[in-house]
C-alpha atoms as a PDB file:
ATOM      1  CA  UNK A   1      56.375-200.025 -73.641  1.00  0.00           C
ATOM      2  CA  UNK A   2      58.144-203.203 -72.293  1.00  0.00           C
ATOM      3  CA  UNK A   3      56.986-204.935 -69.290  1.00  0.00           C
ATOM      4  CA  UNK A   4      58.619-207.566 -67.207  1.00  0.00           C
ATOM      5  CA  UNK A   5      56.156-209.841 -65.622  1.00  0.00           C
ATOM      6  CA  UNK A   6      56.965-212.009 -62.383  1.00  0.00           C
ATOM      7  CA  UNK A   7      54.928-214.095 -60.450  1.00  0.00           C
ATOM      8  CA  UNK A   8      55.534-216.544 -57.424  1.00  0.00           C
ATOM      9  CA  UNK A   9      53.017-218.531 -55.724  1.00  0.00           C
ATOM     10  CA  UNK A  10      54.198-217.987 -51.902  1.00  0.00           C
ATOM     11  CA  UNK A  11      56.236-215.677 -49.544  1.00  0.00           C
ATOM     12  CA  UNK A  12      58.802-218.568 -49.385  1.00  0.00           C
ATOM     13  CA  UNK A  13      59.769-218.579 -53.225  1.00  0.00           C
ATOM     14  CA  UNK A  14      61.729-215.394 -54.330  1.00  0.00           C
ATOM     15  CA  UNK A  15      61.245-213.492 -57.540  1.00  0.00           C
ATOM     16  CA  UNK A  16      65.068-213.024 -57.939  1.00  0.00           C
ATOM     17  CA  UNK A  17      65.529-215.988 -60.089  1.00  0.00           C
ATOM     18  CA  UNK A  18      62.829-214.929 -62.763  1.00  0.00           C
ATOM     19  CA  UNK A  19      64.017-211.321 -62.373  1.00  0.00           C
ATOM     20  CA  UNK A  20      67.691-212.727 -63.287  1.00  0.00           C
ATOM     21  CA  UNK A  21      66.363-214.688 -66.204  1.00  0.00           C
ATOM     22  CA  UNK A  22      64.658-211.662 -67.727  1.00  0.00           C
ATOM     23  CA  UNK A  23      67.468-209.205 -67.311  1.00  0.00           C
ATOM     24  CA  UNK A  24      69.926-211.412 -68.918  1.00  0.00           C
ATOM     25  CA  UNK A  25      67.646-212.205 -71.666  1.00  0.00           C
ATOM     26  CA  UNK A  26      67.041-208.411 -72.227  1.00  0.00           C
ATOM     27  CA  UNK A  27      70.693-207.405 -72.035  1.00  0.00           C
ATOM     28  CA  UNK A  28      71.265-210.192 -74.696  1.00  0.00           C
ATOM     29  CA  UNK A  29      68.762-208.996 -77.052  1.00  0.00           C
ATOM     30  CA  UNK A  30      68.995-205.131 -76.417  1.00  0.00           C
ATOM     31  CA  UNK A  31      65.665-204.532 -74.578  1.00  0.00           C
ATOM     32  CA  UNK A  32      65.121-202.401 -71.606  1.00  0.00           C
ATOM     33  CA  UNK A  33      62.204-202.888 -69.275  1.00  0.00           C
ATOM     34  CA  UNK A  34      60.485-199.789 -68.964  1.00  0.00           C
ATOM     35  CA  UNK A  35      58.191-201.303 -65.966  1.00  0.00           C
ATOM     36  CA  UNK A  36      58.326-204.517 -63.771  1.00  0.00           C
ATOM     37  CA  UNK A  37      55.164-205.943 -62.335  1.00  0.00           C
ATOM     38  CA  UNK A  38      55.855-208.458 -59.585  1.00  0.00           C
ATOM     39  CA  UNK A  39      53.517-210.226 -57.588  1.00  0.00           C
ATOM     40  CA  UNK A  40      53.247-213.129 -54.947  1.00  0.00           C
ATOM     41  CA  UNK A  41      49.800-214.869 -55.408  1.00  0.00           C
ATOM     42  CA  UNK A  42      48.348-218.506 -56.551  1.00  0.00           C
ATOM     43  CA  UNK A  43      48.069-218.835 -60.193  1.00  0.00           C
ATOM     44  CA  UNK A  44      44.476-220.233 -59.695  1.00  0.00           C
ATOM     45  CA  UNK A  45      43.204-216.861 -58.933  1.00  0.00           C
ATOM     46  CA  UNK A  46      41.935-215.204 -62.059  1.00  0.00           C
ATOM     47  CA  UNK A  47      43.633-212.241 -63.630  1.00  0.00           C
ATOM     48  CA  UNK A  48      41.019-209.827 -62.256  1.00  0.00           C
ATOM     49  CA  UNK A  49      42.037-210.549 -58.847  1.00  0.00           C
ATOM     50  CA  UNK A  50      45.838-210.200 -59.624  1.00  0.00           C
ATOM     51  CA  UNK A  51      48.209-207.195 -60.792  1.00  0.00           C
ATOM     52  CA  UNK A  52      48.119-208.901 -63.981  1.00  0.00           C
ATOM     53  CA  UNK A  53      44.577-207.971 -64.455  1.00  0.00           C
ATOM     54  CA  UNK A  54      45.783-204.140 -63.941  1.00  0.00           C
ATOM     55  CA  UNK A  55      48.483-204.666 -66.667  1.00  0.00           C
ATOM     56  CA  UNK A  56      46.211-206.455 -69.104  1.00  0.00           C
ATOM     57  CA  UNK A  57      43.951-203.577 -68.929  1.00  0.00           C
ATOM     58  CA  UNK A  58      46.715-201.079 -69.191  1.00  0.00           C
ATOM     59  CA  UNK A  59      48.710-202.482 -72.180  1.00  0.00           C
ATOM     60  CA  UNK A  60      48.390-200.994 -75.630  1.00  0.00           C
ATOM     61  CA  UNK A  61      48.929-202.148 -79.119  1.00  0.00           C
ATOM     62  CA  UNK A  62      52.748-202.723 -79.688  1.00  0.00           C
ATOM     63  CA  UNK A  63      53.340-203.269 -76.038  1.00  0.00           C
ATOM     64  CA  UNK A  64      55.626-206.170 -75.104  1.00  0.00           C
ATOM     65  CA  UNK A  65      55.207-208.265 -71.861  1.00  0.00           C
ATOM     66  CA  UNK A  66      58.265-210.457 -71.354  1.00  0.00           C
ATOM     67  CA  UNK A  67      58.048-213.385 -68.620  1.00  0.00           C
ATOM     68  CA  UNK A  68      60.111-216.394 -67.953  1.00  0.00           C
ATOM     69  CA  UNK A  69      57.393-218.945 -68.919  1.00  0.00           C
ATOM     70  CA  UNK A  70      53.866-219.232 -69.808  1.00  0.00           C
ATOM     71  CA  UNK A  71      52.896-220.858 -66.506  1.00  0.00           C
ATOM     72  CA  UNK A  72      53.403-217.697 -64.842  1.00  0.00           C
ATOM     73  CA  UNK A  73      50.482-216.250 -66.375  1.00  0.00           C
ATOM     74  CA  UNK A  74      48.117-218.899 -64.618  1.00  0.00           C
ATOM     75  CA  UNK A  75      47.898-222.694 -63.748  1.00  0.00           C
ATOM     76  CA  UNK A  76      45.007-223.842 -66.054  1.00  0.00           C
ATOM     77  CA  UNK A  77      45.703-224.096 -69.897  1.00  0.00           C
ATOM     78  CA  UNK A  78      42.135-222.468 -70.317  1.00  0.00           C
ATOM     79  CA  UNK A  79      43.165-219.496 -68.164  1.00  0.00           C
ATOM     80  CA  UNK A  80      46.527-219.229 -70.037  1.00  0.00           C
ATOM     81  CA  UNK A  81      44.999-219.467 -73.733  1.00  0.00           C
ATOM     82  CA  UNK A  82      42.190-216.676 -72.811  1.00  0.00           C
ATOM     83  CA  UNK A  83      45.101-214.324 -71.511  1.00  0.00           C
ATOM     84  CA  UNK A  84      47.166-214.940 -74.760  1.00  0.00           C
ATOM     85  CA  UNK A  85      44.037-214.534 -76.897  1.00  0.00           C
ATOM     86  CA  UNK A  86      43.206-211.431 -75.186  1.00  0.00           C
ATOM     87  CA  UNK A  87      46.704-210.057 -75.693  1.00  0.00           C
ATOM     88  CA  UNK A  88      46.795-211.009 -79.320  1.00  0.00           C
ATOM     89  CA  UNK A  89      43.656-209.436 -80.063  1.00  0.00           C
ATOM     90  CA  UNK A  90      44.647-205.979 -78.676  1.00  0.00           C
ATOM     91  CA  UNK A  91      48.213-206.724 -80.779  1.00  0.00           C
ATOM     92  CA  UNK A  92      49.918-206.971 -77.458  1.00  0.00           C
ATOM     93  CA  UNK A  93      53.245-209.070 -78.022  1.00  0.00           C
ATOM     94  CA  UNK A  94      54.188-211.625 -75.301  1.00  0.00           C
ATOM     95  CA  UNK A  95      57.533-213.540 -75.131  1.00  0.00           C
ATOM     96  CA  UNK A  96      58.459-215.974 -72.732  1.00  0.00           C
ATOM     97  CA  UNK A  97      62.091-217.297 -72.206  1.00  0.00           C
ATOM     98  CA  UNK A  98      61.982-220.938 -71.027  1.00  0.00           C
ATOM     99  CA  UNK A  99      59.083-221.836 -73.554  1.00  0.00           C
ATOM    100  CA  UNK A 100      60.642-219.778 -75.963  1.00  0.00           C
ATOM    101  CA  UNK A 101      57.319-218.392 -77.390  1.00  0.00           C
ATOM    102  CA  UNK A 102      56.967-215.420 -79.261  1.00  0.00           C
ATOM    103  CA  UNK A 103      53.517-214.248 -80.027  1.00  0.00           C
ATOM    104  CA  UNK A 104      53.048-211.206 -81.676  1.00  0.00           C
ATOM    105  CA  UNK A 105      51.990-209.909 -85.170  1.00  0.00           C
ATOM    106  CA  UNK A 106      53.289-212.724 -87.548  1.00  0.00           C
ATOM    107  CA  UNK A 107      51.052-215.229 -89.226  1.00  0.00           C
ATOM    108  CA  UNK A 108      52.057-217.852 -86.334  1.00  0.00           C
ATOM    109  CA  UNK A 109      50.676-215.670 -83.723  1.00  0.00           C
ATOM    110  CA  UNK A 110      47.373-215.157 -85.858  1.00  0.00           C
ATOM    111  CA  UNK A 111      46.934-218.977 -86.141  1.00  0.00           C
ATOM    112  CA  UNK A 112      47.491-219.382 -82.537  1.00  0.00           C
ATOM    113  CA  UNK A 113      44.988-216.505 -81.621  1.00  0.00           C
ATOM    114  CA  UNK A 114      42.334-218.324 -83.596  1.00  0.00           C
ATOM    115  CA  UNK A 115      43.317-221.375 -81.883  1.00  0.00           C
ATOM    116  CA  UNK A 116      43.500-219.835 -78.616  1.00  0.00           C
ATOM    117  CA  UNK A 117      39.763-218.326 -79.119  1.00  0.00           C
ATOM    118  CA  UNK A 118      38.192-221.407 -80.476  1.00  0.00           C
ATOM    119  CA  UNK A 119      39.545-223.584 -77.370  1.00  0.00           C
ATOM    120  CA  UNK A 120      38.096-220.979 -74.963  1.00  0.00           C
ATOM    121  CA  UNK A 121      34.975-221.132 -76.649  1.00  0.00           C
ATOM    122  CA  UNK A 122      34.792-225.112 -76.524  1.00  0.00           C
ATOM    123  CA  UNK A 123      35.621-224.963 -72.956  1.00  0.00           C
ATOM    124  CA  UNK A 124      33.057-222.662 -72.331  1.00  0.00           C
ATOM    125  CA  UNK A 125      30.288-224.593 -73.978  1.00  0.00           C
ATOM    126  CA  UNK A 126      31.672-227.642 -72.293  1.00  0.00           C
ATOM    127  CA  UNK A 127      31.252-226.258 -68.995  1.00  0.00           C
ATOM    128  CA  UNK A 128      27.466-225.221 -69.855  1.00  0.00           C
ATOM    129  CA  UNK A 129      26.655-228.577 -71.182  1.00  0.00           C
ATOM    130  CA  UNK A 130      28.405-230.479 -67.985  1.00  0.00           C
ATOM    131  CA  UNK A 131      26.134-227.819 -65.876  1.00  0.00           C
ATOM    132  CA  UNK A 132      22.910-228.604 -67.878  1.00  0.00           C
ATOM    133  CA  UNK A 133      23.782-232.393 -67.503  1.00  0.00           C
ATOM    134  CA  UNK A 134      24.165-232.363 -64.161  1.00  0.00           C
ATOM    135  CA  UNK A 135      20.850-230.183 -63.425  1.00  0.00           C
ATOM    136  CA  UNK A 136      19.070-232.990 -65.473  1.00  0.00           C
ATOM    137  CA  UNK A 137      20.467-235.592 -63.697  1.00  0.00           C
ATOM    138  CA  UNK A 138      19.317-234.325 -60.372  1.00  0.00           C
ATOM    139  CA  UNK A 139      15.909-233.545 -61.739  1.00  0.00           C
ATOM    140  CA  UNK A 140      15.620-237.409 -63.084  1.00  0.00           C
ATOM    141  CA  UNK A 141      16.766-238.500 -59.516  1.00  0.00           C
ATOM    142  CA  UNK A 142      13.807-236.254 -58.237  1.00  0.00           C
ATOM    143  CA  UNK A 143      15.477-233.372 -56.553  1.00  0.00           C
ATOM    144  CA  UNK A 144      13.686-230.121 -56.544  1.00  0.00           C
ATOM    145  CA  UNK A 145      16.020-227.363 -57.888  1.00  0.00           C
ATOM    146  CA  UNK A 146      15.636-223.924 -56.642  1.00  0.00           C
ATOM    147  CA  UNK A 147      13.938-222.226 -54.002  1.00  0.00           C
ATOM    148  CA  UNK A 148      10.519-224.031 -53.003  1.00  0.00           C
ATOM    149  CA  UNK A 149       7.597-222.459 -54.510  1.00  0.00           C
ATOM    150  CA  UNK A 150       5.902-219.886 -52.068  1.00  0.00           C
ATOM    151  CA  UNK A 151       8.895-220.075 -49.611  1.00  0.00           C
ATOM    152  CA  UNK A 152      10.398-216.560 -49.189  1.00  0.00           C
ATOM    153  CA  UNK A 153      14.187-215.975 -48.383  1.00  0.00           C
ATOM    154  CA  UNK A 154      14.795-215.454 -44.415  1.00  0.00           C
ATOM    155  CA  UNK A 155      17.349-212.752 -45.188  1.00  0.00           C
ATOM    156  CA  UNK A 156      16.053-209.343 -47.176  1.00  0.00           C
ATOM    157  CA  UNK A 157      17.496-205.798 -47.370  1.00  0.00           C
ATOM    158  CA  UNK A 158      16.481-204.755 -44.081  1.00  0.00           C
ATOM    159  CA  UNK A 159      17.466-207.894 -41.967  1.00  0.00           C
ATOM    160  CA  UNK A 160      19.474-206.801 -39.190  1.00  0.00           C
ATOM    161  CA  UNK A 161      18.025-203.123 -38.913  1.00  0.00           C
ATOM    162  CA  UNK A 162      14.985-204.449 -36.618  1.00  0.00           C
ATOM    163  CA  UNK A 163      16.402-202.813 -33.627  1.00  0.00           C
ATOM    164  CA  UNK A 164      16.922-199.558 -35.504  1.00  0.00           C
ATOM    165  CA  UNK A 165      13.520-199.726 -37.192  1.00  0.00           C
ATOM    166  CA  UNK A 166      11.637-200.260 -33.675  1.00  0.00           C
ATOM    167  CA  UNK A 167      13.505-196.977 -32.626  1.00  0.00           C
ATOM    168  CA  UNK A 168      12.335-195.219 -35.656  1.00  0.00           C
ATOM    169  CA  UNK A 169       8.814-196.491 -35.181  1.00  0.00           C
ATOM    170  CA  UNK A 170       8.955-195.474 -31.545  1.00  0.00           C
ATOM    171  CA  UNK A 171       9.574-192.041 -32.695  1.00  0.00           C
ATOM    172  CA  UNK A 172       6.822-192.078 -35.031  1.00  0.00           C
ATOM    173  CA  UNK A 173       8.779-192.168 -38.152  1.00  0.00           C
ATOM    174  CA  UNK A 174       6.320-193.113 -41.306  1.00  0.00           C
ATOM    175  CA  UNK A 175       6.948-196.500 -43.260  1.00  0.00           C
ATOM    176  CA  UNK A 176       7.996-193.773 -46.285  1.00  0.00           C
ATOM    177  CA  UNK A 177      10.421-191.996 -44.312  1.00  0.00           C
ATOM    178  CA  UNK A 178      12.227-195.538 -42.974  1.00  0.00           C
ATOM    179  CA  UNK A 179      11.910-196.562 -46.584  1.00  0.00           C
ATOM    180  CA  UNK A 180      14.086-193.594 -47.621  1.00  0.00           C
ATOM    181  CA  UNK A 181      16.483-193.953 -44.855  1.00  0.00           C
ATOM    182  CA  UNK A 182      17.250-197.565 -46.300  1.00  0.00           C
ATOM    183  CA  UNK A 183      16.856-197.093 -49.847  1.00  0.00           C
ATOM    184  CA  UNK A 184      13.708-199.188 -50.269  1.00  0.00           C
ATOM    185  CA  UNK A 185      10.086-198.515 -50.881  1.00  0.00           C
ATOM    186  CA  UNK A 186       6.996-198.227 -48.482  1.00  0.00           C
ATOM    187  CA  UNK A 187       5.747-201.664 -49.422  1.00  0.00           C
ATOM    188  CA  UNK A 188       9.200-203.413 -48.585  1.00  0.00           C
ATOM    189  CA  UNK A 189       9.002-201.899 -45.344  1.00  0.00           C
ATOM    190  CA  UNK A 190       5.529-202.944 -44.710  1.00  0.00           C
ATOM    191  CA  UNK A 191       6.267-206.297 -45.771  1.00  0.00           C
ATOM    192  CA  UNK A 192       9.324-206.456 -43.504  1.00  0.00           C
ATOM    193  CA  UNK A 193       7.489-205.210 -40.394  1.00  0.00           C
ATOM    194  CA  UNK A 194       4.659-207.878 -41.107  1.00  0.00           C
ATOM    195  CA  UNK A 195       7.478-210.808 -41.468  1.00  0.00           C
ATOM    196  CA  UNK A 196       9.341-209.716 -38.501  1.00  0.00           C
ATOM    197  CA  UNK A 197       6.029-209.335 -36.364  1.00  0.00           C
ATOM    198  CA  UNK A 198       7.290-205.557 -35.915  1.00  0.00           C
ATOM    199  CA  UNK A 199       3.883-204.356 -36.134  1.00  0.00           C
END
């Protein structure tokens, strides 16, 4: 299966230029696009929140995706590398026109797949390290992290249901019955009633 992928960031941009580039390339190389994926969305959005995510889940080994340039896949280098790595691990080819990338089953692609995977792992480790360092700095500055000991969250599963629960109590519903209605156990209902001074 051969897919044409087009993405623009805003409604003010047009997909026509990218489609023209892909169609001209396919005509020149005797390729037929069997399905077009076109979307208007920021490249900062994760693939899962785009039509691209559905495409990545749908493609099979041997399929080909053609797009005008790699930047259509995402805004950050990390995101693009992750997508390319995923495609190559699944033996899906991706060709771009402006960049002239031909990622497939050749040795160059396998080397790139290794590089992309390694880069993605390094980036994940760096993010984790930066987070740990930031938390350590906050601790050294005396900032207490997390919820204070002994303090409970003001928002619980039954929050917002006070009036309904009052009405059920007035109709002599048991705590167990109320728990079944809201999908919680009797102890949760009891604690909620005490916390909200409903009993």
